[in-house]
Amino acid sequence: MADLAAPRRATGGVSTPPAAPAARRGPSKRVAGRAVEVAFLVPAVLYLVLFFGYPIVKNVVMGFQEYTTRTFFTGEAPWVGLANYAHVVGDAVFTRSVVNTVLFTAGSIAGQFVVGLAIALFFHKRFALSGVLRSLILLPWLIPMIAGTAVWRWILDTDNGALNRILSALPFVDVRPEWLTSTSLALVAVIGVNIWLGIPFNMTILYGGLQEIPEELYEAGALDGATGWRAFRHITWPLLRPVVTVVLVLGVVYTLKVLDVILGLTGGGPANATQTIALASYMSSFREFDFGAGAALGNILIVMSLAFAIVYLRANRRAVDE
């Protein structure tokens, strides 16, 4: 009896119920936490499935069907297997489109990355009005694409373009290049405009990566003689490589499917000199209304993007491991 009364006296004569074991509260908390996670995850998954998954699957299926305007009325899309792929690959313009796509992508990515990295390194040094100048460089990225291509179409006009007028005003220059109507210059001009449009993206991402590199590393490297080019090679570039990977992969995937720049400047001409796979897919789908052939070309672009991403990521991982 004395032993039983002791706990009551210690608590002022009021008995307290025993505390619930922690093991009983644990599972309920985990279930509630998992329910919250699922509640936040479901909308994102539904969004990806509806706006990314379904269009990709539908495009892949359409590539194997005879999908035309009649399908919208009858609902019938006969299965034709690889006939659409044989048709687009056998087209006389397909080889030219592939070459133009590779040249356009390689030239655009090289120019955008080199100029964007140079500008990012320039703004990495603090000076007056650097923030204002960085904001101005973002203007090409903010201007609507149609407006930007319309301005560049005027600038590159052979007779009344601003660029040719400036060239004519220079001494010892007596040429008026046909930037958009020459089969040898049209692709170069389109690549130049696309470089101008892509520089802000490259500069912004690379500048953010440079900001994450600790200044102490440069100070320590300077003590060992690593300044200038040596500092860039042994400090900046290795630490910036993950950001470079993101910039290049996203840049290639985006550039492969560029349509509005070419459509607004040349429309694929002259004589298919600027015709790309993305433009050919658009023409097949919305000019000829052969949606099956357009989907087949779109699927070829998807395969090219995946192939580049896989090859580059593996090569970059191997370089990092070495």
C-alpha atoms as a PDB file:
ATOM      1  CA  MET A   1       0.000   0.000   0.000  1.00  0.00           C
ATOM      2  CA  ALA A   2       2.784   2.425   0.812  1.00  0.00           C
ATOM      3  CA  ASP A   3       4.401   1.686  -2.478  1.00  0.00           C
ATOM      4  CA  LEU A   4       1.140   2.279  -4.364  1.00  0.00           C
ATOM      5  CA  ALA A   5       0.484   5.617  -2.645  1.00  0.00           C
ATOM      6  CA  ALA A   6       3.956   6.976  -3.276  1.00  0.00           C
ATOM      7  CA  PRO A   7       3.322   8.013  -6.857  1.00  0.00           C
ATOM      8  CA  ARG A   8       0.136   9.825  -5.813  1.00  0.00           C
ATOM      9  CA  ARG A   9       1.938  11.848  -3.149  1.00  0.00           C
ATOM     10  CA  ALA A  10       4.670  12.761  -5.577  1.00  0.00           C
ATOM     11  CA  THR A  11       2.114  14.295  -7.936  1.00  0.00           C
ATOM     12  CA  GLY A  12      -0.002  16.047  -5.355  1.00  0.00           C
ATOM     13  CA  GLY A  13      -2.433  13.145  -4.907  1.00  0.00           C
ATOM     14  CA  VAL A  14      -3.620  13.217  -8.500  1.00  0.00           C
ATOM     15  CA  SER A  15      -2.887  10.170 -10.591  1.00  0.00           C
ATOM     16  CA  THR A  16      -1.759  10.722 -14.209  1.00  0.00           C
ATOM     17  CA  PRO A  17      -2.417   8.230 -16.966  1.00  0.00           C
ATOM     18  CA  PRO A  18       0.606   6.530 -18.442  1.00  0.00           C
ATOM     19  CA  ALA A  19       2.076   8.232 -21.547  1.00  0.00           C
ATOM     20  CA  ALA A  20       1.328   6.611 -24.876  1.00  0.00           C
ATOM     21  CA  PRO A  21       4.285   4.713 -26.278  1.00  0.00           C
ATOM     22  CA  ALA A  22       6.233   6.567 -28.939  1.00  0.00           C
ATOM     23  CA  ALA A  23       5.943   3.535 -31.169  1.00  0.00           C
ATOM     24  CA  ARG A  24       2.170   4.030 -31.386  1.00  0.00           C
ATOM     25  CA  ARG A  25       2.478   7.651 -32.580  1.00  0.00           C
ATOM     26  CA  GLY A  26       5.240   6.938 -35.106  1.00  0.00           C
ATOM     27  CA  PRO A  27       3.297   5.084 -37.823  1.00  0.00           C
ATOM     28  CA  SER A  28       0.423   7.561 -37.830  1.00  0.00           C
ATOM     29  CA  LYS A  29       2.816  10.474 -38.257  1.00  0.00           C
ATOM     30  CA  ARG A  30       4.600   8.687 -41.082  1.00  0.00           C
ATOM     31  CA  VAL A  31       1.304   7.949 -42.810  1.00  0.00           C
ATOM     32  CA  ALA A  32       0.206  11.560 -42.463  1.00  0.00           C
ATOM     33  CA  GLY A  33       3.547  12.789 -43.807  1.00  0.00           C
ATOM     34  CA  ARG A  34       3.358  10.403 -46.740  1.00  0.00           C
ATOM     35  CA  ALA A  35      -0.200  11.566 -47.490  1.00  0.00           C
ATOM     36  CA  VAL A  36       1.001  15.180 -47.599  1.00  0.00           C
ATOM     37  CA  GLU A  37       3.834  14.217 -49.942  1.00  0.00           C
ATOM     38  CA  VAL A  38       1.451  12.402 -52.254  1.00  0.00           C
ATOM     39  CA  ALA A  39      -0.985  15.341 -52.185  1.00  0.00           C
ATOM     40  CA  PHE A  40       1.778  17.665 -53.400  1.00  0.00           C
ATOM     41  CA  LEU A  41       3.123  15.127 -55.900  1.00  0.00           C
ATOM     42  CA  VAL A  42      -0.119  14.146 -57.619  1.00  0.00           C
ATOM     43  CA  PRO A  43      -0.785  17.536 -59.308  1.00  0.00           C
ATOM     44  CA  ALA A  44       2.751  17.629 -60.708  1.00  0.00           C
ATOM     45  CA  VAL A  45       2.482  14.057 -61.993  1.00  0.00           C
ATOM     46  CA  LEU A  46      -0.896  14.752 -63.586  1.00  0.00           C
ATOM     47  CA  TYR A  47       0.494  17.874 -65.237  1.00  0.00           C
ATOM     48  CA  LEU A  48       3.462  15.960 -66.678  1.00  0.00           C
ATOM     49  CA  VAL A  49       1.272  13.117 -67.893  1.00  0.00           C
ATOM     50  CA  LEU A  50      -1.335  15.372 -69.513  1.00  0.00           C
ATOM     51  CA  PHE A  51       0.918  18.001 -71.076  1.00  0.00           C
ATOM     52  CA  PHE A  52       4.121  16.031 -71.718  1.00  0.00           C
ATOM     53  CA  GLY A  53       3.470  12.307 -71.572  1.00  0.00           C
ATOM     54  CA  TYR A  54       0.284  12.202 -73.644  1.00  0.00           C
ATOM     55  CA  PRO A  55       1.548  14.462 -76.478  1.00  0.00           C
ATOM     56  CA  ILE A  56       4.759  12.435 -76.804  1.00  0.00           C
ATOM     57  CA  VAL A  57       2.908   9.100 -76.871  1.00  0.00           C
ATOM     58  CA  LYS A  58       0.328  10.503 -79.300  1.00  0.00           C
ATOM     59  CA  ASN A  59       3.065  11.826 -81.576  1.00  0.00           C
ATOM     60  CA  VAL A  60       4.840   8.469 -81.579  1.00  0.00           C
ATOM     61  CA  VAL A  61       1.603   6.660 -82.467  1.00  0.00           C
ATOM     62  CA  MET A  62       0.726   9.192 -85.188  1.00  0.00           C
ATOM     63  CA  GLY A  63       4.067   8.509 -86.827  1.00  0.00           C
ATOM     64  CA  PHE A  64       2.794   5.028 -87.686  1.00  0.00           C
ATOM     65  CA  GLN A  65      -0.655   6.128 -88.901  1.00  0.00           C
ATOM     66  CA  GLU A  66      -2.140   7.764 -91.968  1.00  0.00           C
ATOM     67  CA  TYR A  67      -3.291  10.815 -90.028  1.00  0.00           C
ATOM     68  CA  THR A  68      -4.798  13.537 -92.234  1.00  0.00           C
ATOM     69  CA  THR A  69      -7.592  16.109 -92.058  1.00  0.00           C
ATOM     70  CA  ARG A  70     -10.054  13.339 -92.891  1.00  0.00           C
ATOM     71  CA  THR A  71      -9.217  11.721 -89.570  1.00  0.00           C
ATOM     72  CA  PHE A  72     -10.772  14.662 -87.704  1.00  0.00           C
ATOM     73  CA  PHE A  73     -14.139  13.936 -89.351  1.00  0.00           C
ATOM     74  CA  THR A  74     -14.138  10.132 -89.591  1.00  0.00           C
ATOM     75  CA  GLY A  75     -11.957   9.309 -86.599  1.00  0.00           C
ATOM     76  CA  GLU A  76     -10.130   6.748 -88.749  1.00  0.00           C
ATOM     77  CA  ALA A  77      -6.342   6.718 -88.872  1.00  0.00           C
ATOM     78  CA  PRO A  78      -5.198   3.531 -90.658  1.00  0.00           C
ATOM     79  CA  TRP A  79      -2.032   1.899 -89.388  1.00  0.00           C
ATOM     80  CA  VAL A  80       0.705   2.187 -92.032  1.00  0.00           C
ATOM     81  CA  GLY A  81       3.738   1.008 -90.074  1.00  0.00           C
ATOM     82  CA  LEU A  82       6.998   2.542 -91.264  1.00  0.00           C
ATOM     83  CA  ALA A  83       5.504   4.037 -94.436  1.00  0.00           C
ATOM     84  CA  ASN A  84       5.656   7.588 -93.038  1.00  0.00           C
ATOM     85  CA  TYR A  85       9.311   7.192 -92.105  1.00  0.00           C
ATOM     86  CA  ALA A  86      10.125   5.734 -95.522  1.00  0.00           C
ATOM     87  CA  HIS A  87       8.336   8.660 -97.146  1.00  0.00           C
ATOM     88  CA  VAL A  88      10.120  11.411 -95.219  1.00  0.00           C
ATOM     89  CA  VAL A  89      13.549   9.759 -95.354  1.00  0.00           C
ATOM     90  CA  GLY A  90      13.186   9.120 -99.086  1.00  0.00           C
ATOM     91  CA  ASP A  91      12.316  12.745 -99.754  1.00  0.00           C
ATOM     92  CA  ALA A  92      14.961  14.578-101.768  1.00  0.00           C
ATOM     93  CA  VAL A  93      15.019  17.422 -99.240  1.00  0.00           C
ATOM     94  CA  PHE A  94      15.532  15.179 -96.181  1.00  0.00           C
ATOM     95  CA  THR A  95      19.314  14.901 -96.505  1.00  0.00           C
ATOM     96  CA  ARG A  96      19.605  18.654 -96.930  1.00  0.00           C
ATOM     97  CA  SER A  97      17.376  19.157 -93.892  1.00  0.00           C
ATOM     98  CA  VAL A  98      19.557  16.901 -91.738  1.00  0.00           C
ATOM     99  CA  VAL A  99      22.757  18.690 -92.805  1.00  0.00           C
ATOM    100  CA  ASN A 100      21.183  22.100 -92.205  1.00  0.00           C
ATOM    101  CA  THR A 101      19.896  20.984 -88.809  1.00  0.00           C
ATOM    102  CA  VAL A 102      23.359  19.822 -87.736  1.00  0.00           C
ATOM    103  CA  LEU A 103      25.056  22.983 -89.037  1.00  0.00           C
ATOM    104  CA  PHE A 104      22.423  25.253 -87.543  1.00  0.00           C
ATOM    105  CA  THR A 105      22.591  23.529 -84.150  1.00  0.00           C
ATOM    106  CA  ALA A 106      26.388  23.312 -83.988  1.00  0.00           C
ATOM    107  CA  GLY A 107      26.926  26.892 -85.136  1.00  0.00           C
ATOM    108  CA  SER A 108      24.271  28.306 -82.823  1.00  0.00           C
ATOM    109  CA  ILE A 109      25.443  26.404 -79.753  1.00  0.00           C
ATOM    110  CA  ALA A 110      29.110  27.244 -80.347  1.00  0.00           C
ATOM    111  CA  GLY A 111      28.419  30.943 -80.853  1.00  0.00           C
ATOM    112  CA  GLN A 112      25.946  31.255 -77.989  1.00  0.00           C
ATOM    113  CA  PHE A 113      28.193  29.431 -75.532  1.00  0.00           C
ATOM    114  CA  VAL A 114      31.459  31.178 -76.407  1.00  0.00           C
ATOM    115  CA  VAL A 115      29.972  34.684 -76.428  1.00  0.00           C
ATOM    116  CA  GLY A 116      27.787  33.962 -73.391  1.00  0.00           C
ATOM    117  CA  LEU A 117      30.767  32.641 -71.410  1.00  0.00           C
ATOM    118  CA  ALA A 118      32.912  35.637 -72.397  1.00  0.00           C
ATOM    119  CA  ILE A 119      30.210  38.064 -71.267  1.00  0.00           C
ATOM    120  CA  ALA A 120      29.666  36.120 -68.028  1.00  0.00           C
ATOM    121  CA  LEU A 121      33.391  36.269 -67.260  1.00  0.00           C
ATOM    122  CA  PHE A 122      33.392  39.996 -68.037  1.00  0.00           C
ATOM    123  CA  PHE A 123      30.514  40.698 -65.647  1.00  0.00           C
ATOM    124  CA  HIS A 124      32.063  38.455 -62.999  1.00  0.00           C
ATOM    125  CA  LYS A 125      34.363  41.379 -62.283  1.00  0.00           C
ATOM    126  CA  ARG A 126      32.533  44.014 -60.298  1.00  0.00           C
ATOM    127  CA  PHE A 127      32.357  47.486 -61.804  1.00  0.00           C
ATOM    128  CA  ALA A 128      29.942  50.396 -61.967  1.00  0.00           C
ATOM    129  CA  LEU A 129      26.625  49.872 -63.788  1.00  0.00           C
ATOM    130  CA  SER A 130      27.280  46.155 -64.244  1.00  0.00           C
ATOM    131  CA  GLY A 131      23.761  45.338 -63.070  1.00  0.00           C
ATOM    132  CA  VAL A 132      22.202  47.755 -65.565  1.00  0.00           C
ATOM    133  CA  LEU A 133      24.252  46.365 -68.432  1.00  0.00           C
ATOM    134  CA  ARG A 134      23.336  42.794 -67.508  1.00  0.00           C
ATOM    135  CA  SER A 135      19.682  43.777 -67.589  1.00  0.00           C
ATOM    136  CA  LEU A 136      20.077  45.281 -71.059  1.00  0.00           C
ATOM    137  CA  ILE A 137      21.697  42.104 -72.361  1.00  0.00           C
ATOM    138  CA  LEU A 138      18.552  40.208 -71.364  1.00  0.00           C
ATOM    139  CA  LEU A 139      16.441  42.224 -73.827  1.00  0.00           C
ATOM    140  CA  PRO A 140      16.817  39.779 -76.767  1.00  0.00           C
ATOM    141  CA  TRP A 141      15.508  37.053 -74.461  1.00  0.00           C
ATOM    142  CA  LEU A 142      12.495  39.163 -73.439  1.00  0.00           C
ATOM    143  CA  ILE A 143      11.473  40.439 -76.869  1.00  0.00           C
ATOM    144  CA  PRO A 144       8.745  38.329 -78.541  1.00  0.00           C
ATOM    145  CA  MET A 145      10.286  36.075 -81.164  1.00  0.00           C
ATOM    146  CA  ILE A 146       8.098  37.347 -83.991  1.00  0.00           C
ATOM    147  CA  ALA A 147       9.054  40.940 -83.225  1.00  0.00           C
ATOM    148  CA  GLY A 148      12.731  40.058 -83.028  1.00  0.00           C
ATOM    149  CA  THR A 149      12.748  38.214 -86.355  1.00  0.00           C
ATOM    150  CA  ALA A 150      10.812  41.062 -88.018  1.00  0.00           C
ATOM    151  CA  VAL A 151      13.461  43.560 -86.905  1.00  0.00           C
ATOM    152  CA  TRP A 152      16.283  41.324 -88.090  1.00  0.00           C
ATOM    153  CA  ARG A 153      14.540  40.775 -91.413  1.00  0.00           C
ATOM    154  CA  TRP A 154      14.638  44.546 -91.918  1.00  0.00           C
ATOM    155  CA  ILE A 155      18.259  44.801 -90.750  1.00  0.00           C
ATOM    156  CA  LEU A 156      19.390  42.064 -93.180  1.00  0.00           C
ATOM    157  CA  ASP A 157      17.379  43.317 -96.145  1.00  0.00           C
ATOM    158  CA  THR A 158      19.553  43.546 -99.247  1.00  0.00           C
ATOM    159  CA  ASP A 159      18.385  46.927-100.563  1.00  0.00           C
ATOM    160  CA  ASN A 160      17.202  48.894 -97.546  1.00  0.00           C
ATOM    161  CA  GLY A 161      18.674  46.955 -94.623  1.00  0.00           C
ATOM    162  CA  ALA A 162      20.615  48.762 -91.915  1.00  0.00           C
ATOM    163  CA  LEU A 163      23.542  46.326 -92.106  1.00  0.00           C
ATOM    164  CA  ASN A 164      24.131  46.833 -95.830  1.00  0.00           C
ATOM    165  CA  ARG A 165      23.814  50.592 -95.437  1.00  0.00           C
ATOM    166  CA  ILE A 166      26.532  50.534 -92.783  1.00  0.00           C
ATOM    167  CA  LEU A 167      28.735  48.380 -95.022  1.00  0.00           C
ATOM    168  CA  SER A 168      28.200  50.735 -97.947  1.00  0.00           C
ATOM    169  CA  ALA A 169      29.306  53.673 -95.814  1.00  0.00           C
ATOM    170  CA  LEU A 170      32.635  52.009 -95.047  1.00  0.00           C
ATOM    171  CA  PRO A 171      35.613  52.785 -97.278  1.00  0.00           C
ATOM    172  CA  PHE A 172      36.832  50.107 -99.702  1.00  0.00           C
ATOM    173  CA  VAL A 173      33.543  48.181 -99.345  1.00  0.00           C
ATOM    174  CA  ASP A 174      31.504  47.973-102.523  1.00  0.00           C
ATOM    175  CA  VAL A 175      29.305  44.932-101.918  1.00  0.00           C
ATOM    176  CA  ARG A 176      25.703  44.455-100.848  1.00  0.00           C
ATOM    177  CA  PRO A 177      25.485  40.883 -99.533  1.00  0.00           C
ATOM    178  CA  GLU A 178      22.169  39.123-100.042  1.00  0.00           C
ATOM    179  CA  TRP A 179      21.937  37.893 -96.484  1.00  0.00           C
ATOM    180  CA  LEU A 180      18.518  36.229 -96.713  1.00  0.00           C
ATOM    181  CA  THR A 181      18.251  35.478-100.433  1.00  0.00           C
ATOM    182  CA  SER A 182      21.641  33.911-101.145  1.00  0.00           C
ATOM    183  CA  THR A 183      21.914  30.132-100.846  1.00  0.00           C
ATOM    184  CA  SER A 184      25.412  30.485 -99.389  1.00  0.00           C
ATOM    185  CA  LEU A 185      24.670  33.252 -96.863  1.00  0.00           C
ATOM    186  CA  ALA A 186      21.094  32.569 -95.706  1.00  0.00           C
ATOM    187  CA  LEU A 187      22.013  29.813 -93.262  1.00  0.00           C
ATOM    188  CA  VAL A 188      24.880  31.909 -91.870  1.00  0.00           C
ATOM    189  CA  ALA A 189      22.520  34.846 -91.327  1.00  0.00           C
ATOM    190  CA  VAL A 190      19.929  32.665 -89.604  1.00  0.00           C
ATOM    191  CA  ILE A 191      22.599  31.175 -87.337  1.00  0.00           C
ATOM    192  CA  GLY A 192      23.788  34.684 -86.449  1.00  0.00           C
ATOM    193  CA  VAL A 193      20.291  35.778 -85.463  1.00  0.00           C
ATOM    194  CA  ASN A 194      19.784  32.656 -83.372  1.00  0.00           C
ATOM    195  CA  ILE A 195      23.102  33.281 -81.619  1.00  0.00           C
ATOM    196  CA  TRP A 196      21.912  36.792 -80.753  1.00  0.00           C
ATOM    197  CA  LEU A 197      18.711  35.342 -79.302  1.00  0.00           C
ATOM    198  CA  GLY A 198      20.481  32.660 -77.244  1.00  0.00           C
ATOM    199  CA  ILE A 199      23.307  34.695 -75.714  1.00  0.00           C
ATOM    200  CA  PRO A 200      21.216  36.000 -72.740  1.00  0.00           C
ATOM    201  CA  PHE A 201      20.283  32.461 -71.645  1.00  0.00           C
ATOM    202  CA  ASN A 202      23.883  31.239 -71.762  1.00  0.00           C
ATOM    203  CA  MET A 203      25.196  34.359 -70.042  1.00  0.00           C
ATOM    204  CA  THR A 204      22.631  34.189 -67.237  1.00  0.00           C
ATOM    205  CA  ILE A 205      23.186  30.526 -66.395  1.00  0.00           C
ATOM    206  CA  LEU A 206      26.974  30.687 -66.671  1.00  0.00           C
ATOM    207  CA  TYR A 207      27.126  33.897 -64.636  1.00  0.00           C
ATOM    208  CA  GLY A 208      25.139  32.190 -61.884  1.00  0.00           C
ATOM    209  CA  GLY A 209      27.617  29.305 -61.938  1.00  0.00           C
ATOM    210  CA  LEU A 210      30.564  31.686 -61.685  1.00  0.00           C
ATOM    211  CA  GLN A 211      29.005  33.348 -58.655  1.00  0.00           C
ATOM    212  CA  GLU A 212      29.038  30.009 -56.817  1.00  0.00           C
ATOM    213  CA  ILE A 213      32.829  29.592 -57.115  1.00  0.00           C
ATOM    214  CA  PRO A 214      34.471  30.718 -53.851  1.00  0.00           C
ATOM    215  CA  GLU A 215      36.861  33.632 -54.178  1.00  0.00           C
ATOM    216  CA  GLU A 216      39.220  31.919 -51.723  1.00  0.00           C
ATOM    217  CA  LEU A 217      40.155  29.424 -54.433  1.00  0.00           C
ATOM    218  CA  TYR A 218      41.356  32.195 -56.727  1.00  0.00           C
ATOM    219  CA  GLU A 219      43.325  33.771 -53.878  1.00  0.00           C
ATOM    220  CA  ALA A 220      44.964  30.457 -53.054  1.00  0.00           C
ATOM    221  CA  GLY A 221      45.673  29.812 -56.719  1.00  0.00           C
ATOM    222  CA  ALA A 222      47.237  33.247 -57.140  1.00  0.00           C
ATOM    223  CA  LEU A 223      49.770  32.356 -54.452  1.00  0.00           C
ATOM    224  CA  ASP A 224      50.839  29.402 -56.599  1.00  0.00           C
ATOM    225  CA  GLY A 225      50.947  31.451 -59.787  1.00  0.00           C
ATOM    226  CA  ALA A 226      47.531  30.393 -61.137  1.00  0.00           C
ATOM    227  CA  THR A 227      46.251  33.650 -62.582  1.00  0.00           C
ATOM    228  CA  GLY A 228      44.587  34.605 -65.830  1.00  0.00           C
ATOM    229  CA  TRP A 229      44.295  31.665 -68.215  1.00  0.00           C
ATOM    230  CA  ARG A 230      45.753  29.229 -65.661  1.00  0.00           C
ATOM    231  CA  ALA A 231      43.118  30.209 -63.100  1.00  0.00           C
ATOM    232  CA  PHE A 232      40.387  29.682 -65.685  1.00  0.00           C
ATOM    233  CA  ARG A 233      41.773  26.303 -66.747  1.00  0.00           C
ATOM    234  CA  HIS A 234      42.460  24.824 -63.321  1.00  0.00           C
ATOM    235  CA  ILE A 235      39.822  26.537 -61.132  1.00  0.00           C
ATOM    236  CA  THR A 236      36.980  28.071 -63.136  1.00  0.00           C
ATOM    237  CA  TRP A 237      36.426  25.442 -65.803  1.00  0.00           C
ATOM    238  CA  PRO A 238      36.437  22.320 -63.556  1.00  0.00           C
ATOM    239  CA  LEU A 239      33.996  23.910 -61.091  1.00  0.00           C
ATOM    240  CA  LEU A 240      31.840  25.325 -63.886  1.00  0.00           C
ATOM    241  CA  ARG A 241      31.570  22.007 -65.760  1.00  0.00           C
ATOM    242  CA  PRO A 242      28.218  20.902 -64.218  1.00  0.00           C
ATOM    243  CA  VAL A 243      26.661  24.224 -65.254  1.00  0.00           C
ATOM    244  CA  VAL A 244      28.202  23.902 -68.722  1.00  0.00           C
ATOM    245  CA  THR A 245      26.597  20.484 -69.060  1.00  0.00           C
ATOM    246  CA  VAL A 246      23.161  21.900 -68.297  1.00  0.00           C
ATOM    247  CA  VAL A 247      23.644  24.822 -70.690  1.00  0.00           C
ATOM    248  CA  LEU A 248      24.837  22.667 -73.589  1.00  0.00           C
ATOM    249  CA  VAL A 249      22.242  19.921 -73.226  1.00  0.00           C
ATOM    250  CA  LEU A 250      19.349  22.357 -72.898  1.00  0.00           C
ATOM    251  CA  GLY A 251      20.760  24.483 -75.699  1.00  0.00           C
ATOM    252  CA  VAL A 252      20.998  21.582 -78.132  1.00  0.00           C
ATOM    253  CA  VAL A 253      17.533  20.268 -77.281  1.00  0.00           C
ATOM    254  CA  TYR A 254      16.050  23.731 -77.744  1.00  0.00           C
ATOM    255  CA  THR A 255      17.990  24.573 -80.921  1.00  0.00           C
ATOM    256  CA  LEU A 256      17.086  21.315 -82.665  1.00  0.00           C
ATOM    257  CA  LYS A 257      13.428  22.300 -82.568  1.00  0.00           C
ATOM    258  CA  VAL A 258      13.840  25.994 -83.417  1.00  0.00           C
ATOM    259  CA  LEU A 259      11.143  26.921 -85.899  1.00  0.00           C
ATOM    260  CA  ASP A 260      10.013  30.518 -85.480  1.00  0.00           C
ATOM    261  CA  VAL A 261      13.397  32.109 -86.236  1.00  0.00           C
ATOM    262  CA  ILE A 262      13.798  30.308 -89.563  1.00  0.00           C
ATOM    263  CA  LEU A 263      10.126  30.670 -90.435  1.00  0.00           C
ATOM    264  CA  GLY A 264      10.186  34.403 -89.759  1.00  0.00           C
ATOM    265  CA  LEU A 265      13.428  35.109 -91.628  1.00  0.00           C
ATOM    266  CA  THR A 266      13.547  32.831 -94.670  1.00  0.00           C
ATOM    267  CA  GLY A 267      10.703  30.308 -94.468  1.00  0.00           C
ATOM    268  CA  GLY A 268      13.219  27.574 -95.271  1.00  0.00           C
ATOM    269  CA  GLY A 269      14.479  29.208 -98.460  1.00  0.00           C
ATOM    270  CA  PRO A 270      16.076  30.123-100.664  1.00  0.00           C
ATOM    271  CA  ALA A 271      16.049  26.774-102.483  1.00  0.00           C
ATOM    272  CA  ASN A 272      15.800  24.913 -99.122  1.00  0.00           C
ATOM    273  CA  ALA A 273      19.098  26.467 -97.996  1.00  0.00           C
ATOM    274  CA  THR A 274      17.720  26.956 -94.459  1.00  0.00           C
ATOM    275  CA  GLN A 275      15.353  24.006 -94.369  1.00  0.00           C
ATOM    276  CA  THR A 276      15.642  21.996 -91.120  1.00  0.00           C
ATOM    277  CA  ILE A 277      13.884  18.912 -89.782  1.00  0.00           C
ATOM    278  CA  ALA A 278      11.754  21.013 -87.435  1.00  0.00           C
ATOM    279  CA  LEU A 279      10.644  23.238 -90.308  1.00  0.00           C
ATOM    280  CA  ALA A 280       9.989  20.213 -92.517  1.00  0.00           C
ATOM    281  CA  SER A 281       7.809  18.734 -89.764  1.00  0.00           C
ATOM    282  CA  TYR A 282       5.849  21.990 -89.562  1.00  0.00           C
ATOM    283  CA  MET A 283       5.412  22.141 -93.340  1.00  0.00           C
ATOM    284  CA  SER A 284       4.215  18.548 -93.533  1.00  0.00           C
ATOM    285  CA  SER A 285       1.723  18.983 -90.706  1.00  0.00           C
ATOM    286  CA  PHE A 286       0.314  22.467 -91.227  1.00  0.00           C
ATOM    287  CA  ARG A 287       0.924  23.191 -94.905  1.00  0.00           C
ATOM    288  CA  GLU A 288       0.382  19.754 -96.477  1.00  0.00           C
ATOM    289  CA  PHE A 289      -1.819  18.485 -93.619  1.00  0.00           C
ATOM    290  CA  ASP A 290       0.029  15.155 -93.578  1.00  0.00           C
ATOM    291  CA  PHE A 291       0.175  14.833 -89.794  1.00  0.00           C
ATOM    292  CA  GLY A 292       1.597  11.328 -89.935  1.00  0.00           C
ATOM    293  CA  ALA A 293       4.672  12.448 -91.867  1.00  0.00           C
ATOM    294  CA  GLY A 294       5.038  15.500 -89.628  1.00  0.00           C
ATOM    295  CA  ALA A 295       4.894  13.283 -86.534  1.00  0.00           C
ATOM    296  CA  ALA A 296       7.526  10.980 -88.036  1.00  0.00           C
ATOM    297  CA  LEU A 297       9.884  13.929 -88.524  1.00  0.00           C
ATOM    298  CA  GLY A 298       9.149  15.075 -84.968  1.00  0.00           C
ATOM    299  CA  ASN A 299      10.022  11.614 -83.659  1.00  0.00           C
ATOM    300  CA  ILE A 300      13.322  11.743 -85.558  1.00  0.00           C
ATOM    301  CA  LEU A 301      14.098  15.004 -83.773  1.00  0.00           C
ATOM    302  CA  ILE A 302      13.310  13.406 -80.414  1.00  0.00           C
ATOM    303  CA  VAL A 303      15.701  10.545 -81.160  1.00  0.00           C
ATOM    304  CA  MET A 304      18.433  12.999 -82.188  1.00  0.00           C
ATOM    305  CA  SER A 305      17.980  14.976 -78.963  1.00  0.00           C
ATOM    306  CA  LEU A 306      18.090  11.852 -76.793  1.00  0.00           C
ATOM    307  CA  ALA A 307      21.141  10.519 -78.634  1.00  0.00           C
ATOM    308  CA  PHE A 308      23.076  13.746 -78.105  1.00  0.00           C
ATOM    309  CA  ALA A 309      22.079  13.991 -74.448  1.00  0.00           C
ATOM    310  CA  ILE A 310      23.119  10.409 -73.718  1.00  0.00           C
ATOM    311  CA  VAL A 311      26.433  10.624 -75.587  1.00  0.00           C
ATOM    312  CA  TYR A 312      27.379  13.977 -74.100  1.00  0.00           C
ATOM    313  CA  LEU A 313      26.430  13.081 -70.538  1.00  0.00           C
ATOM    314  CA  ARG A 314      28.414   9.846 -70.708  1.00  0.00           C
ATOM    315  CA  ALA A 315      31.442  11.582 -72.204  1.00  0.00           C
ATOM    316  CA  ASN A 316      31.258  14.305 -69.585  1.00  0.00           C
ATOM    317  CA  ARG A 317      30.961  11.764 -66.756  1.00  0.00           C
ATOM    318  CA  ARG A 318      33.982   9.897 -68.108  1.00  0.00           C
ATOM    319  CA  ALA A 319      35.967  13.126 -68.257  1.00  0.00           C
ATOM    320  CA  VAL A 320      35.013  13.967 -64.658  1.00  0.00           C
ATOM    321  CA  ASP A 321      36.012  10.481 -63.463  1.00  0.00           C
ATOM    322  CA  GLU A 322      39.394  10.773 -65.155  1.00  0.00           C
END
